[in-house]
Amino acid sequence: MEKITKDMTIASVLKKDERTAPIFLSYGMHCLGCPISSGESLEAACAAHGVDVSEMVSKLNELFEQNQ
């Protein structure tokens, strides 16, 4: 499976697996359905929310690896 990267959007990650939603929510990113989620990269979203993008990408990839 393709790895999650900081250049992907929240919407594209959610489209791959909706079970990623709790990870976003745990970082205070409640914009899962907002239009910005489909146009802003994970890196930009993390910067706006004061979140370490490398940490989030790592957690998202761990979830995908566990579910293969």
Protein backbone atom coordinates (compact mmCIF):
# COMPACT_ATOMS: atom_id res chain seq x y z
CA MET A 1 0.00 0.00 0.00
CA GLU A 2 1.05 3.55 -0.71
CA LYS A 3 2.61 5.41 2.22
CA ILE A 4 1.01 8.52 3.64
CA THR A 5 3.13 11.63 3.03
CA LYS A 6 3.03 15.21 4.27
CA ASP A 7 2.01 16.34 0.77
CA MET A 8 -1.31 14.45 0.84
CA THR A 9 -4.53 16.14 1.88
CA ILE A 10 -6.66 15.18 4.86
CA ALA A 11 -9.45 14.27 2.45
CA SER A 12 -7.22 11.92 0.45
CA VAL A 13 -6.08 10.13 3.62
CA LEU A 14 -9.68 9.78 4.85
CA LYS A 15 -10.69 8.44 1.43
CA LYS A 16 -8.07 5.70 1.75
CA ASP A 17 -9.37 4.70 5.18
CA GLU A 18 -12.01 6.47 7.27
CA ARG A 19 -10.54 4.86 10.40
CA THR A 20 -7.87 7.57 10.26
CA ALA A 21 -10.42 10.14 11.51
CA PRO A 22 -9.66 9.56 15.22
CA ILE A 23 -5.99 10.36 14.59
CA PHE A 24 -6.88 13.71 13.08
CA LEU A 25 -9.36 14.41 15.87
CA SER A 26 -6.78 13.55 18.54
CA TYR A 27 -4.61 16.37 17.18
CA GLY A 28 -7.48 18.87 17.31
CA MET A 29 -8.13 18.74 13.58
CA HIS A 30 -11.91 18.78 13.46
CA CYS A 31 -11.99 20.06 9.87
CA LEU A 32 -12.45 16.62 8.37
CA GLY A 33 -15.45 17.57 6.26
CA CYS A 34 -14.58 21.18 5.55
CA PRO A 35 -13.59 22.25 2.04
CA ILE A 36 -10.05 23.09 3.17
CA SER A 37 -9.43 19.42 3.99
CA SER A 38 -9.44 18.62 0.27
CA GLY A 39 -7.07 21.37 -0.79
CA GLU A 40 -4.58 21.77 2.04
CA SER A 41 -1.66 19.38 2.54
CA LEU A 42 -1.10 17.56 5.80
CA GLU A 43 2.00 19.70 6.23
CA ALA A 44 0.02 22.95 5.92
CA ALA A 45 -2.79 21.67 8.16
CA CYS A 46 -0.30 20.59 10.82
CA ALA A 47 1.44 23.96 10.67
CA ALA A 48 -1.90 25.73 11.12
CA HIS A 49 -2.74 23.55 14.13
CA GLY A 50 0.73 23.53 15.71
CA VAL A 51 1.18 19.80 15.13
CA ASP A 52 4.41 17.96 14.26
CA VAL A 53 3.70 16.68 10.74
CA SER A 54 6.32 13.92 10.98
CA GLU A 55 4.65 12.55 14.11
CA MET A 56 1.21 12.58 12.51
CA VAL A 57 2.40 10.96 9.26
CA SER A 58 4.13 8.28 11.30
CA LYS A 59 0.94 7.51 13.26
CA LEU A 60 -1.12 7.40 10.07
CA ASN A 61 1.35 5.01 8.42
CA GLU A 62 1.38 2.81 11.54
CA LEU A 63 -2.40 2.49 11.25
CA PHE A 64 -2.16 1.50 7.59
CA GLU A 65 0.61 -1.02 8.29
CA GLN A 66 -1.44 -2.65 11.07
CA ASN A 67 -4.44 -3.03 8.78
CA GLN A 68 -2.70 -4.69 5.84
